[in-house]
PDB file of N, CA and C in Angstrom:
ATOM      1  N   MET A   1     106.527 106.434 128.568  1.00  0.00           N
ATOM      2  CA  MET A   1     105.156 106.638 128.204  1.00  0.00           C
ATOM      3  C   MET A   1     104.647 108.082 128.460  1.00  0.00           C
ATOM      4  N   PRO A   2     104.170 108.660 127.516  1.00  0.00           N
ATOM      5  CA  PRO A   2     103.595 110.017 127.759  1.00  0.00           C
ATOM      6  C   PRO A   2     102.521 110.201 128.640  1.00  0.00           C
ATOM      7  N   THR A   3     102.393 111.375 129.379  1.00  0.00           N
ATOM      8  CA  THR A   3     101.149 111.621 130.140  1.00  0.00           C
ATOM      9  C   THR A   3     100.480 112.749 129.537  1.00  0.00           C
ATOM     10  N   ARG A   4      99.211 112.952 129.680  1.00  0.00           N
ATOM     11  CA  ARG A   4      98.573 113.947 129.225  1.00  0.00           C
ATOM     12  C   ARG A   4      97.798 114.806 130.241  1.00  0.00           C
ATOM     13  N   GLU A   5      97.679 116.146 129.958  1.00  0.00           N
ATOM     14  CA  GLU A   5      97.006 116.992 130.948  1.00  0.00           C
ATOM     15  C   GLU A   5      96.225 118.171 130.125  1.00  0.00           C
ATOM     16  N   TRP A   6      94.938 118.562 130.604  1.00  0.00           N
ATOM     17  CA  TRP A   6      94.336 119.575 129.854  1.00  0.00           C
ATOM     18  C   TRP A   6      94.926 120.928 130.455  1.00  0.00           C
ATOM     19  N   HIS A   7      95.147 121.754 129.695  1.00  0.00           N
ATOM     20  CA  HIS A   7      95.558 123.143 129.918  1.00  0.00           C
ATOM     21  C   HIS A   7      94.482 124.058 129.810  1.00  0.00           C
ATOM     22  N   PRO A   8      93.678 124.257 130.742  1.00  0.00           N
ATOM     23  CA  PRO A   8      92.501 125.381 130.385  1.00  0.00           C
ATOM     24  C   PRO A   8      92.829 126.708 129.744  1.00  0.00           C
ATOM     25  N   LYS A   9      93.872 127.140 130.322  1.00  0.00           N
ATOM     26  CA  LYS A   9      94.161 128.640 129.638  1.00  0.00           C
ATOM     27  C   LYS A   9      94.481 128.460 128.052  1.00  0.00           C
ATOM     28  N   ARG A  10      95.313 127.477 127.795  1.00  0.00           N
ATOM     29  CA  ARG A  10      95.723 127.361 126.407  1.00  0.00           C
ATOM     30  C   ARG A  10      94.686 126.537 125.564  1.00  0.00           C
ATOM     31  N   ARG A  11      93.633 125.843 126.324  1.00  0.00           N
ATOM     32  CA  ARG A  11      92.641 125.096 125.846  1.00  0.00           C
ATOM     33  C   ARG A  11      93.310 124.104 124.850  1.00  0.00           C
ATOM     34  N   CYS A  12      94.172 123.410 125.416  1.00  0.00           N
ATOM     35  CA  CYS A  12      94.774 122.271 124.632  1.00  0.00           C
ATOM     36  C   CYS A  12      95.120 120.988 125.540  1.00  0.00           C
ATOM     37  N   VAL A  13      95.521 119.874 124.951  1.00  0.00           N
ATOM     38  CA  VAL A  13      96.035 118.925 125.763  1.00  0.00           C
ATOM     39  C   VAL A  13      97.433 118.907 125.702  1.00  0.00           C
ATOM     40  N   VAL A  14      98.254 118.925 126.834  1.00  0.00           N
ATOM     41  CA  VAL A  14      99.728 119.138 126.828  1.00  0.00           C
ATOM     42  C   VAL A  14     100.095 117.339 127.291  1.00  0.00           C
ATOM     43  N   TRP A  15     101.096 117.249 126.256  1.00  0.00           N
ATOM     44  CA  TRP A  15     101.546 115.698 126.437  1.00  0.00           C
ATOM     45  C   TRP A  15     103.159 115.898 127.033  1.00  0.00           C
ATOM     46  N   ARG A  16     103.405 115.127 128.004  1.00  0.00           N
ATOM     47  CA  ARG A  16     104.616 115.364 128.672  1.00  0.00           C
ATOM     48  C   ARG A  16     105.448 113.969 128.554  1.00  0.00           C
ATOM     49  N   ILE A  17     106.770 114.007 128.371  1.00  0.00           N
ATOM     50  CA  ILE A  17     107.554 112.936 128.506  1.00  0.00           C
ATOM     51  C   ILE A  17     108.644 113.091 129.545  1.00  0.00           C
ATOM     52  N   ASP A  18     108.679 112.280 130.453  1.00  0.00           N
ATOM     53  CA  ASP A  18     109.621 112.421 131.731  1.00  0.00           C
ATOM     54  C   ASP A  18     109.356 113.814 132.309  1.00  0.00           C
ATOM     55  N   GLY A  19     108.105 114.327 132.365  1.00  0.00           N
ATOM     56  CA  GLY A  19     107.865 115.505 133.054  1.00  0.00           C
ATOM     57  C   GLY A  19     108.068 116.793 132.107  1.00  0.00           C
ATOM     58  N   GLN A  20     108.650 116.587 130.845  1.00  0.00           N
ATOM     59  CA  GLN A  20     108.818 117.611 130.194  1.00  0.00           C
ATOM     60  C   GLN A  20     107.783 117.840 129.110  1.00  0.00           C
ATOM     61  N   GLU A  21     107.334 119.096 128.751  1.00  0.00           N
ATOM     62  CA  GLU A  21     106.383 119.204 127.731  1.00  0.00           C
ATOM     63  C   GLU A  21     106.976 118.891 126.345  1.00  0.00           C
ATOM     64  N   ALA A  22     106.462 117.686 125.791  1.00  0.00           N
ATOM     65  CA  ALA A  22     106.846 117.171 124.456  1.00  0.00           C
ATOM     66  C   ALA A  22     106.039 117.855 123.331  1.00  0.00           C
ATOM     67  N   TYR A  23     104.865 117.935 123.300  1.00  0.00           N
ATOM     68  CA  TYR A  23     104.028 118.354 122.242  1.00  0.00           C
ATOM     69  C   TYR A  23     102.736 118.559 122.863  1.00  0.00           C
ATOM     70  N   ILE A  24     101.978 119.492 122.104  1.00  0.00           N
ATOM     71  CA  ILE A  24     100.609 119.801 122.470  1.00  0.00           C
ATOM     72  C   ILE A  24      99.622 119.412 121.480  1.00  0.00           C
ATOM     73  N   GLU A  25      98.307 119.038 121.664  1.00  0.00           N
ATOM     74  CA  GLU A  25      97.286 118.739 120.876  1.00  0.00           C
ATOM     75  C   GLU A  25      96.271 119.655 120.937  1.00  0.00           C
ATOM     76  N   LEU A  26      95.817 120.391 119.809  1.00  0.00           N
ATOM     77  CA  LEU A  26      94.946 121.308 119.567  1.00  0.00           C
ATOM     78  C   LEU A  26      93.930 120.757 118.655  1.00  0.00           C
ATOM     79  N   LYS A  27      92.790 121.451 118.643  1.00  0.00           N
ATOM     80  CA  LYS A  27      91.759 120.827 117.676  1.00  0.00           C
ATOM     81  C   LYS A  27      92.205 120.459 116.367  1.00  0.00           C
ATOM     82  N   SER A  28      93.182 121.468 115.605  1.00  0.00           N
ATOM     83  CA  SER A  28      93.324 121.334 114.320  1.00  0.00           C
ATOM     84  C   SER A  28      94.786 120.776 113.950  1.00  0.00           C
ATOM     85  N   ARG A  29      95.442 120.728 114.982  1.00  0.00           N
ATOM     86  CA  ARG A  29      97.036 120.225 114.826  1.00  0.00           C
ATOM     87  C   ARG A  29      97.745 119.685 115.936  1.00  0.00           C
ATOM     88  N   VAL A  30      98.822 119.360 115.955  1.00  0.00           N
ATOM     89  CA  VAL A  30      99.679 118.845 117.059  1.00  0.00           C
ATOM     90  C   VAL A  30     101.021 119.557 116.883  1.00  0.00           C
ATOM     91  N   GLU A  31     101.496 120.238 117.912  1.00  0.00           N
ATOM     92  CA  GLU A  31     102.613 121.173 117.981  1.00  0.00           C
ATOM     93  C   GLU A  31     103.645 120.464 118.675  1.00  0.00           C
ATOM     94  N   VAL A  32     104.871 120.302 118.069  1.00  0.00           N
ATOM     95  CA  VAL A  32     105.929 119.529 118.686  1.00  0.00           C
ATOM     96  C   VAL A  32     106.983 120.533 119.146  1.00  0.00           C
ATOM     97  N   TYR A  33     107.234 120.319 120.492  1.00  0.00           N
ATOM     98  CA  TYR A  33     108.277 121.210 121.132  1.00  0.00           C
ATOM     99  C   TYR A  33     109.511 120.385 121.427  1.00  0.00           C
ATOM    100  N   ASP A  34     109.595 119.161 121.696  1.00  0.00           N
ATOM    101  CA  ASP A  34     110.675 118.196 121.946  1.00  0.00           C
ATOM    102  C   ASP A  34     110.904 117.436 120.695  1.00  0.00           C
ATOM    103  N   THR A  35     111.940 117.552 120.027  1.00  0.00           N
ATOM    104  CA  THR A  35     112.238 117.011 118.754  1.00  0.00           C
ATOM    105  C   THR A  35     113.090 115.798 118.897  1.00  0.00           C
ATOM    106  N   THR A  36     113.267 115.165 120.122  1.00  0.00           N
ATOM    107  CA  THR A  36     114.044 113.963 120.213  1.00  0.00           C
ATOM    108  C   THR A  36     113.267 112.755 119.540  1.00  0.00           C
ATOM    109  N   ASP A  37     113.829 111.794 119.126  1.00  0.00           N
ATOM    110  CA  ASP A  37     113.263 110.630 118.495  1.00  0.00           C
ATOM    111  C   ASP A  37     112.143 110.158 119.228  1.00  0.00           C
ATOM    112  N   THR A  38     112.257 109.877 120.531  1.00  0.00           N
ATOM    113  CA  THR A  38     111.059 109.514 121.382  1.00  0.00           C
ATOM    114  C   THR A  38     109.851 110.502 121.161  1.00  0.00           C
ATOM    115  N   ALA A  39     110.140 111.689 121.555  1.00  0.00           N
ATOM    116  CA  ALA A  39     109.051 112.663 121.569  1.00  0.00           C
ATOM    117  C   ALA A  39     108.495 112.807 120.081  1.00  0.00           C
ATOM    118  N   LEU A  40     109.222 112.843 119.137  1.00  0.00           N
ATOM    119  CA  LEU A  40     108.707 113.122 117.808  1.00  0.00           C
ATOM    120  C   LEU A  40     107.861 111.873 117.389  1.00  0.00           C
ATOM    121  N   THR A  41     108.203 110.712 117.719  1.00  0.00           N
ATOM    122  CA  THR A  41     107.591 109.450 117.407  1.00  0.00           C
ATOM    123  C   THR A  41     106.237 109.469 117.982  1.00  0.00           C
ATOM    124  N   GLN A  42     106.106 109.974 119.259  1.00  0.00           N
ATOM    125  CA  GLN A  42     104.981 109.861 119.974  1.00  0.00           C
ATOM    126  C   GLN A  42     104.102 111.083 119.315  1.00  0.00           C
ATOM    127  N   ALA A  43     104.454 112.027 119.017  1.00  0.00           N
ATOM    128  CA  ALA A  43     103.682 113.134 118.477  1.00  0.00           C
ATOM    129  C   ALA A  43     103.194 112.729 117.079  1.00  0.00           C
ATOM    130  N   LEU A  44     104.083 112.043 116.272  1.00  0.00           N
ATOM    131  CA  LEU A  44     103.533 111.649 114.934  1.00  0.00           C
ATOM    132  C   LEU A  44     102.502 110.568 114.863  1.00  0.00           C
ATOM    133  N   MET A  45     102.668 109.661 116.035  1.00  0.00           N
ATOM    134  CA  MET A  45     101.685 108.649 116.261  1.00  0.00           C
ATOM    135  C   MET A  45     100.380 109.244 116.681  1.00  0.00           C
ATOM    136  N   ARG A  46     100.394 110.316 117.552  1.00  0.00           N
ATOM    137  CA  ARG A  46      99.181 110.946 118.067  1.00  0.00           C
ATOM    138  C   ARG A  46      98.588 111.823 116.816  1.00  0.00           C
ATOM    139  N   ALA A  47      99.310 112.412 115.962  1.00  0.00           N
ATOM    140  CA  ALA A  47      98.812 112.994 114.941  1.00  0.00           C
ATOM    141  C   ALA A  47      98.097 112.228 113.842  1.00  0.00           C
ATOM    142  N   GLY A  48      98.968 111.084 113.528  1.00  0.00           N
ATOM    143  CA  GLY A  48      98.295 110.099 112.743  1.00  0.00           C
ATOM    144  C   GLY A  48      96.993 109.532 113.230  1.00  0.00           C
ATOM    145  N   ASN A  49      96.901 109.243 114.429  1.00  0.00           N
ATOM    146  CA  ASN A  49      95.613 108.727 114.975  1.00  0.00           C
ATOM    147  C   ASN A  49      94.317 109.785 114.967  1.00  0.00           C
ATOM    148  N   LYS A  50      94.948 111.000 115.180  1.00  0.00           N
ATOM    149  CA  LYS A  50      93.976 112.172 115.197  1.00  0.00           C
ATOM    150  C   LYS A  50      93.261 112.451 113.832  1.00  0.00           C
ATOM    151  N   PHE A  51      94.174 112.429 112.839  1.00  0.00           N
ATOM    152  CA  PHE A  51      93.937 112.934 111.514  1.00  0.00           C
ATOM    153  C   PHE A  51      93.684 111.651 110.373  1.00  0.00           C
ATOM    154  N   GLY A  52      93.168 110.619 111.093  1.00  0.00           N
ATOM    155  CA  GLY A  52      93.016 109.492 110.154  1.00  0.00           C
ATOM    156  C   GLY A  52      94.161 108.858 109.308  1.00  0.00           C
ATOM    157  N   GLY A  53      95.387 108.933 109.837  1.00  0.00           N
ATOM    158  CA  GLY A  53      96.507 108.347 109.166  1.00  0.00           C
ATOM    159  C   GLY A  53      97.234 109.213 108.112  1.00  0.00           C
ATOM    160  N   HIS A  54      96.665 110.397 107.959  1.00  0.00           N
ATOM    161  CA  HIS A  54      97.273 111.392 107.063  1.00  0.00           C
ATOM    162  C   HIS A  54      97.651 112.712 107.651  1.00  0.00           C
ATOM    163  N   ILE A  55      98.879 113.273 107.521  1.00  0.00           N
ATOM    164  CA  ILE A  55      99.469 114.304 108.026  1.00  0.00           C
ATOM    165  C   ILE A  55     100.065 115.316 107.096  1.00  0.00           C
ATOM    166  N   THR A  56      99.930 116.487 107.497  1.00  0.00           N
ATOM    167  CA  THR A  56     100.765 117.521 106.689  1.00  0.00           C
ATOM    168  C   THR A  56     101.838 118.132 107.606  1.00  0.00           C
ATOM    169  N   LEU A  57     102.882 118.509 107.223  1.00  0.00           N
ATOM    170  CA  LEU A  57     104.071 118.858 108.252  1.00  0.00           C
ATOM    171  C   LEU A  57     104.212 120.505 107.877  1.00  0.00           C
ATOM    172  N   THR A  58     104.435 120.958 109.069  1.00  0.00           N
ATOM    173  CA  THR A  58     105.143 122.511 108.890  1.00  0.00           C
ATOM    174  C   THR A  58     106.343 122.505 109.737  1.00  0.00           C
ATOM    175  N   GLY A  59     107.148 123.547 109.487  1.00  0.00           N
ATOM    176  CA  GLY A  59     108.268 123.700 110.371  1.00  0.00           C
ATOM    177  C   GLY A  59     109.497 123.817 109.273  1.00  0.00           C
ATOM    178  N   ASN A  60     110.698 123.958 109.781  1.00  0.00           N
ATOM    179  CA  ASN A  60     111.768 124.237 108.932  1.00  0.00           C
ATOM    180  C   ASN A  60     112.068 122.926 108.054  1.00  0.00           C
ATOM    181  N   GLU A  61     112.827 123.192 106.963  1.00  0.00           N
ATOM    182  CA  GLU A  61     113.004 122.039 106.267  1.00  0.00           C
ATOM    183  C   GLU A  61     113.686 120.700 106.695  1.00  0.00           C
ATOM    184  N   ASP A  62     114.596 120.887 107.611  1.00  0.00           N
ATOM    185  CA  ASP A  62     115.223 119.755 108.165  1.00  0.00           C
ATOM    186  C   ASP A  62     114.261 118.827 109.046  1.00  0.00           C
ATOM    187  N   PHE A  63     113.471 119.813 109.748  1.00  0.00           N
ATOM    188  CA  PHE A  63     112.389 119.013 110.683  1.00  0.00           C
ATOM    189  C   PHE A  63     111.573 118.268 109.889  1.00  0.00           C
ATOM    190  N   ARG A  64     110.964 118.814 108.924  1.00  0.00           N
ATOM    191  CA  ARG A  64     110.005 118.304 107.909  1.00  0.00           C
ATOM    192  C   ARG A  64     110.417 117.010 107.407  1.00  0.00           C
ATOM    193  N   ARG A  65     111.659 117.165 106.785  1.00  0.00           N
ATOM    194  CA  ARG A  65     112.345 115.974 106.108  1.00  0.00           C
ATOM    195  C   ARG A  65     112.383 114.648 107.165  1.00  0.00           C
ATOM    196  N   ARG A  66     112.926 115.029 108.355  1.00  0.00           N
ATOM    197  CA  ARG A  66     113.096 114.153 109.377  1.00  0.00           C
ATOM    198  C   ARG A  66     111.783 113.538 109.712  1.00  0.00           C
ATOM    199  N   ALA A  67     110.959 114.400 109.993  1.00  0.00           N
ATOM    200  CA  ALA A  67     109.412 114.023 110.445  1.00  0.00           C
ATOM    201  C   ALA A  67     108.790 113.111 109.251  1.00  0.00           C
ATOM    202  N   ALA A  68     108.899 113.495 108.041  1.00  0.00           N
ATOM    203  CA  ALA A  68     108.442 112.851 106.905  1.00  0.00           C
ATOM    204  C   ALA A  68     108.847 111.348 106.867  1.00  0.00           C
ATOM    205  N   ALA A  69     110.284 111.158 107.125  1.00  0.00           N
ATOM    206  CA  ALA A  69     110.915 109.849 107.016  1.00  0.00           C
ATOM    207  C   ALA A  69     110.385 109.014 108.222  1.00  0.00           C
ATOM    208  N   LEU A  70     110.299 109.577 109.331  1.00  0.00           N
ATOM    209  CA  LEU A  70     109.808 108.724 110.457  1.00  0.00           C
ATOM    210  C   LEU A  70     108.459 108.554 110.431  1.00  0.00           C
ATOM    211  N   ALA A  71     107.554 109.441 110.043  1.00  0.00           N
ATOM    212  CA  ALA A  71     106.152 109.275 109.581  1.00  0.00           C
ATOM    213  C   ALA A  71     106.001 107.989 108.757  1.00  0.00           C
ATOM    214  N   THR A  72     106.674 108.012 107.669  1.00  0.00           N
ATOM    215  CA  THR A  72     106.469 106.955 106.702  1.00  0.00           C
ATOM    216  C   THR A  72     106.925 105.666 107.389  1.00  0.00           C
ATOM    217  N   ARG A  73     108.023 105.628 108.095  1.00  0.00           N
ATOM    218  CA  ARG A  73     108.342 104.370 108.746  1.00  0.00           C
ATOM    219  C   ARG A  73     107.149 103.865 109.752  1.00  0.00           C
ATOM    220  N   LEU A  74     106.498 104.830 110.276  1.00  0.00           N
ATOM    221  CA  LEU A  74     105.330 104.376 111.288  1.00  0.00           C
ATOM    222  C   LEU A  74     104.007 104.058 110.495  1.00  0.00           C
ATOM    223  N   GLY A  75     104.141 104.391 109.145  1.00  0.00           N
ATOM    224  CA  GLY A  75     102.875 103.925 108.354  1.00  0.00           C
ATOM    225  C   GLY A  75     101.887 105.219 108.278  1.00  0.00           C
ATOM    226  N   ILE A  76     102.459 106.285 108.557  1.00  0.00           N
ATOM    227  CA  ILE A  76     101.423 107.525 108.441  1.00  0.00           C
ATOM    228  C   ILE A  76     101.768 108.047 107.045  1.00  0.00           C
ATOM    229  N   GLU A  77     100.546 108.364 106.547  1.00  0.00           N
ATOM    230  CA  GLU A  77     100.922 109.124 105.140  1.00  0.00           C
ATOM    231  C   GLU A  77     101.136 110.646 105.293  1.00  0.00           C
ATOM    232  N   VAL A  78     102.025 111.138 104.624  1.00  0.00           N
ATOM    233  CA  VAL A  78     102.566 112.486 104.679  1.00  0.00           C
ATOM    234  C   VAL A  78     102.072 113.053 103.281  1.00  0.00           C
ATOM    235  N   THR A  79     101.052 113.875 103.324  1.00  0.00           N
ATOM    236  CA  THR A  79     100.520 114.499 102.334  1.00  0.00           C
ATOM    237  C   THR A  79     101.346 115.694 101.506  1.00  0.00           C
ATOM    238  N   ASP A  80     102.351 116.285 101.843  1.00  0.00           N
ATOM    239  CA  ASP A  80     102.995 117.352 101.424  1.00  0.00           C
ATOM    240  C   ASP A  80     103.750 116.946 100.193  1.00  0.00           C
ATOM    241  N   PRO A  81     103.121 117.564  98.997  1.00  0.00           N
ATOM    242  CA  PRO A  81     103.835 117.152  97.603  1.00  0.00           C
ATOM    243  C   PRO A  81     105.437 117.347  97.540  1.00  0.00           C
ATOM    244  N   ASP A  82     106.018 118.329  98.348  1.00  0.00           N
ATOM    245  CA  ASP A  82     107.349 118.562  98.290  1.00  0.00           C
ATOM    246  C   ASP A  82     108.255 117.541  99.043  1.00  0.00           C
ATOM    247  N   LEU A  83     107.545 116.815  99.886  1.00  0.00           N
ATOM    248  CA  LEU A  83     108.234 115.618 100.449  1.00  0.00           C
ATOM    249  C   LEU A  83     108.113 114.342  99.912  1.00  0.00           C
ATOM    250  N   ALA A  84     107.399 114.286  98.791  1.00  0.00           N
ATOM    251  CA  ALA A  84     107.109 112.931  98.053  1.00  0.00           C
ATOM    252  C   ALA A  84     108.328 112.052  97.918  1.00  0.00           C
ATOM    253  N   GLU A  85     109.359 112.774  97.371  1.00  0.00           N
ATOM    254  CA  GLU A  85     110.769 111.898  97.288  1.00  0.00           C
ATOM    255  C   GLU A  85     111.115 111.377  98.355  1.00  0.00           C
ATOM    256  N   ILE A  86     111.047 111.957  99.563  1.00  0.00           N
ATOM    257  CA  ILE A  86     111.622 111.427 100.904  1.00  0.00           C
ATOM    258  C   ILE A  86     110.670 110.273 101.280  1.00  0.00           C
ATOM    259  N   VAL A  87     109.373 110.397 101.248  1.00  0.00           N
ATOM    260  CA  VAL A  87     108.381 109.421 101.547  1.00  0.00           C
ATOM    261  C   VAL A  87     108.624 108.259 100.582  1.00  0.00           C
ATOM    262  N   LEU A  88     108.960 108.387  99.247  1.00  0.00           N
ATOM    263  CA  LEU A  88     109.120 107.277  98.298  1.00  0.00           C
ATOM    264  C   LEU A  88     110.402 106.510  98.779  1.00  0.00           C
ATOM    265  N   ALA A  89     111.583 107.252  98.921  1.00  0.00           N
ATOM    266  CA  ALA A  89     112.735 106.580  99.476  1.00  0.00           C
ATOM    267  C   ALA A  89     112.566 105.908 100.693  1.00  0.00           C
ATOM    268  N   GLU A  90     111.917 106.459 101.681  1.00  0.00           N
ATOM    269  CA  GLU A  90     111.599 105.652 102.951  1.00  0.00           C
ATOM    270  C   GLU A  90     110.718 104.401 102.804  1.00  0.00           C
ATOM    271  N   ARG A  91     109.844 104.514 101.818  1.00  0.00           N
ATOM    272  CA  ARG A  91     108.959 103.306 101.551  1.00  0.00           C
ATOM    273  C   ARG A  91     109.770 102.235 100.869  1.00  0.00           C
ATOM    274  N   VAL A  92     110.719 102.624  99.993  1.00  0.00           N
ATOM    275  CA  VAL A  92     111.557 101.679  99.453  1.00  0.00           C
ATOM    276  C   VAL A  92     112.558 100.952 100.375  1.00  0.00           C
ATOM    277  N   LYS A  93     113.150 101.710 101.371  1.00  0.00           N
ATOM    278  CA  LYS A  93     113.767 101.094 102.324  1.00  0.00           C
ATOM    279  C   LYS A  93     113.145 100.144 103.294  1.00  0.00           C
ATOM    280  N   VAL A  94     111.918 100.620 103.742  1.00  0.00           N
ATOM    281  CA  VAL A  94     111.023  99.910 104.674  1.00  0.00           C
ATOM    282  C   VAL A  94     110.608  98.474 103.922  1.00  0.00           C
ATOM    283  N   ASN A  95     110.060  98.543 102.489  1.00  0.00           N
ATOM    284  CA  ASN A  95     109.867  97.407 101.749  1.00  0.00           C
ATOM    285  C   ASN A  95     110.989  96.442 101.595  1.00  0.00           C
ATOM    286  N   PHE A  96     112.015  96.997 101.131  1.00  0.00           N
ATOM    287  CA  PHE A  96     113.220  95.992 101.121  1.00  0.00           C
ATOM    288  C   PHE A  96     113.853  95.545 102.241  1.00  0.00           C
ATOM    289  N   GLY A  97     113.763  96.405 103.452  1.00  0.00           N
ATOM    290  CA  GLY A  97     114.219  95.908 104.721  1.00  0.00           C
ATOM    291  C   GLY A  97     113.428  94.683 105.339  1.00  0.00           C
ATOM    292  N   GLN A  98     112.007  94.914 104.948  1.00  0.00           N
ATOM    293  CA  GLN A  98     111.337  93.770 105.485  1.00  0.00           C
ATOM    294  C   GLN A  98     111.607  92.404 104.848  1.00  0.00           C
ATOM    295  N   ARG A  99     112.139  92.576 103.743  1.00  0.00           N
ATOM    296  CA  ARG A  99     112.502  91.248 102.980  1.00  0.00           C
ATOM    297  C   ARG A  99     113.882  90.939 103.145  1.00  0.00           C
ATOM    298  N   GLY A 100     114.575  91.789 103.896  1.00  0.00           N
ATOM    299  CA  GLY A 100     116.033  91.445 104.031  1.00  0.00           C
ATOM    300  C   GLY A 100     116.863  91.678 102.796  1.00  0.00           C
ATOM    301  N   ALA A 101     116.381  92.513 101.906  1.00  0.00           N
ATOM    302  CA  ALA A 101     117.307  92.568 100.699  1.00  0.00           C
ATOM    303  C   ALA A 101     117.748  93.963 100.592  1.00  0.00           C
ATOM    304  N   ASP A 102     118.788  94.221  99.786  1.00  0.00           N
ATOM    305  CA  ASP A 102     119.232  95.652  99.434  1.00  0.00           C
ATOM    306  C   ASP A 102     118.552  96.075  98.265  1.00  0.00           C
ATOM    307  N   PRO A 103     117.864  97.201  98.097  1.00  0.00           N
ATOM    308  CA  PRO A 103     117.205  97.696  96.989  1.00  0.00           C
ATOM    309  C   PRO A 103     118.169  97.919  95.868  1.00  0.00           C
ATOM    310  N   LEU A 104     119.428  98.031  96.070  1.00  0.00           N
ATOM    311  CA  LEU A 104     120.301  98.201  94.801  1.00  0.00           C
ATOM    312  C   LEU A 104     120.874  96.924  94.418  1.00  0.00           C
ATOM    313  N   ASP A 105     120.424  95.646  94.928  1.00  0.00           N
ATOM    314  CA  ASP A 105     120.804  94.507  94.721  1.00  0.00           C
ATOM    315  C   ASP A 105     119.577  93.644  94.539  1.00  0.00           C
ATOM    316  N   ALA A 106     118.500  94.130  93.687  1.00  0.00           N
ATOM    317  CA  ALA A 106     117.264  93.487  93.629  1.00  0.00           C
ATOM    318  C   ALA A 106     117.225  92.428  92.583  1.00  0.00           C
ATOM    319  N   GLY A 107     118.185  92.230  91.846  1.00  0.00           N
ATOM    320  CA  GLY A 107     118.430  91.420  90.696  1.00  0.00           C
ATOM    321  C   GLY A 107     117.916  91.965  89.529  1.00  0.00           C
ATOM    322  N   VAL A 108     117.999  93.295  89.449  1.00  0.00           N
ATOM    323  CA  VAL A 108     117.441  93.894  88.124  1.00  0.00           C
ATOM    324  C   VAL A 108     118.733  94.302  87.310  1.00  0.00           C
ATOM    325  N   SER A 109     118.772  93.942  86.150  1.00  0.00           N
ATOM    326  CA  SER A 109     119.777  94.271  85.327  1.00  0.00           C
ATOM    327  C   SER A 109     119.456  95.283  84.142  1.00  0.00           C
ATOM    328  N   PHE A 110     120.111  96.239  83.778  1.00  0.00           N
ATOM    329  CA  PHE A 110     119.658  97.186  82.730  1.00  0.00           C
ATOM    330  C   PHE A 110     120.746  97.016  81.592  1.00  0.00           C
ATOM    331  N   GLU A 111     121.628  95.963  81.629  1.00  0.00           N
ATOM    332  CA  GLU A 111     122.601  95.953  80.719  1.00  0.00           C
ATOM    333  C   GLU A 111     122.273  94.659  79.762  1.00  0.00           C
ATOM    334  N   ASP A 112     121.582  94.914  78.622  1.00  0.00           N
ATOM    335  CA  ASP A 112     121.171  94.050  77.641  1.00  0.00           C
ATOM    336  C   ASP A 112     122.160  93.485  76.664  1.00  0.00           C
ATOM    337  N   ASP A 113     123.365  94.183  76.649  1.00  0.00           N
ATOM    338  CA  ASP A 113     124.435  93.698  75.704  1.00  0.00           C
ATOM    339  C   ASP A 113     125.400  92.622  76.344  1.00  0.00           C
ATOM    340  N   ASP A 114     125.173  92.231  77.513  1.00  0.00           N
ATOM    341  CA  ASP A 114     125.808  91.053  77.980  1.00  0.00           C
ATOM    342  C   ASP A 114     125.575  89.811  77.389  1.00  0.00           C
ATOM    343  N   GLU A 115     126.573  89.345  76.725  1.00  0.00           N
ATOM    344  CA  GLU A 115     126.369  88.021  75.904  1.00  0.00           C
ATOM    345  C   GLU A 115     125.817  86.986  76.577  1.00  0.00           C
ATOM    346  N   GLU A 116     126.232  86.677  77.772  1.00  0.00           N
ATOM    347  CA  GLU A 116     125.904  85.600  78.651  1.00  0.00           C
ATOM    348  C   GLU A 116     124.432  85.709  78.945  1.00  0.00           C
ATOM    349  N   GLN A 117     123.995  86.910  79.364  1.00  0.00           N
ATOM    350  CA  GLN A 117     122.742  87.030  79.712  1.00  0.00           C
ATOM    351  C   GLN A 117     121.711  86.841  78.406  1.00  0.00           C
ATOM    352  N   GLU A 118     122.220  87.259  77.238  1.00  0.00           N
ATOM    353  CA  GLU A 118     121.385  86.965  76.035  1.00  0.00           C
ATOM    354  C   GLU A 118     121.287  85.546  75.713  1.00  0.00           C
ATOM    355  N   GLN A 119     122.299  84.792  76.020  1.00  0.00           N
ATOM    356  CA  GLN A 119     122.194  83.357  75.773  1.00  0.00           C
ATOM    357  C   GLN A 119     121.189  82.721  76.861  1.00  0.00           C
ATOM    358  N   ARG A 120     121.419  83.152  78.065  1.00  0.00           N
ATOM    359  CA  ARG A 120     120.490  82.642  79.080  1.00  0.00           C
ATOM    360  C   ARG A 120     118.919  82.832  78.714  1.00  0.00           C
ATOM    361  N   ARG A 121     118.789  84.080  78.337  1.00  0.00           N
ATOM    362  CA  ARG A 121     117.470  84.554  78.010  1.00  0.00           C
ATOM    363  C   ARG A 121     116.929  83.793  76.736  1.00  0.00           C
ATOM    364  N   ASP A 122     117.813  83.454  75.681  1.00  0.00           N
ATOM    365  CA  ASP A 122     117.469  82.778  74.529  1.00  0.00           C
ATOM    366  C   ASP A 122     117.066  81.292  74.756  1.00  0.00           C
ATOM    367  N   SER A 123     117.833  80.861  75.741  1.00  0.00           N
ATOM    368  CA  SER A 123     117.639  79.410  76.179  1.00  0.00           C
ATOM    369  C   SER A 123     116.240  79.035  76.902  1.00  0.00           C
ATOM    370  N   ARG A 124     115.836  80.194  77.415  1.00  0.00           N
ATOM    371  CA  ARG A 124     114.554  80.013  78.376  1.00  0.00           C
ATOM    372  C   ARG A 124     113.274  80.194  77.275  1.00  0.00           C
ATOM    373  N   ARG A 125     113.567  80.734  76.162  1.00  0.00           N
ATOM    374  CA  ARG A 125     112.388  80.824  75.110  1.00  0.00           C
ATOM    375  C   ARG A 125     111.980  79.576  74.393  1.00  0.00           C
TER     376      ARG A 125
END
């Protein structure tokens, strides 16, 4: 469980996990210093709560992609347009995972030329 401490010189809240500085909370942003899954999860949840469930991610591309996927799993909306594909892919995983189904085996067929499928479809009409 993270602990918080006000840092008067930096004028921010320092969040620590196991005694180590994990992230800081400023008025307009949350800065992540520890990118382990535990720390990143806590920082994303804090940012999501602070900013009404919507966040914008900065940093290098790998970090942003990883954070976008994790934020989406946590139910936090990532507003970066360039991360939309990652957010969508993660939503699909989450939605199908909740139903216990594989998104690639959703019972959708794109092959209309299969004769048996045509017969079944005709018999239902």
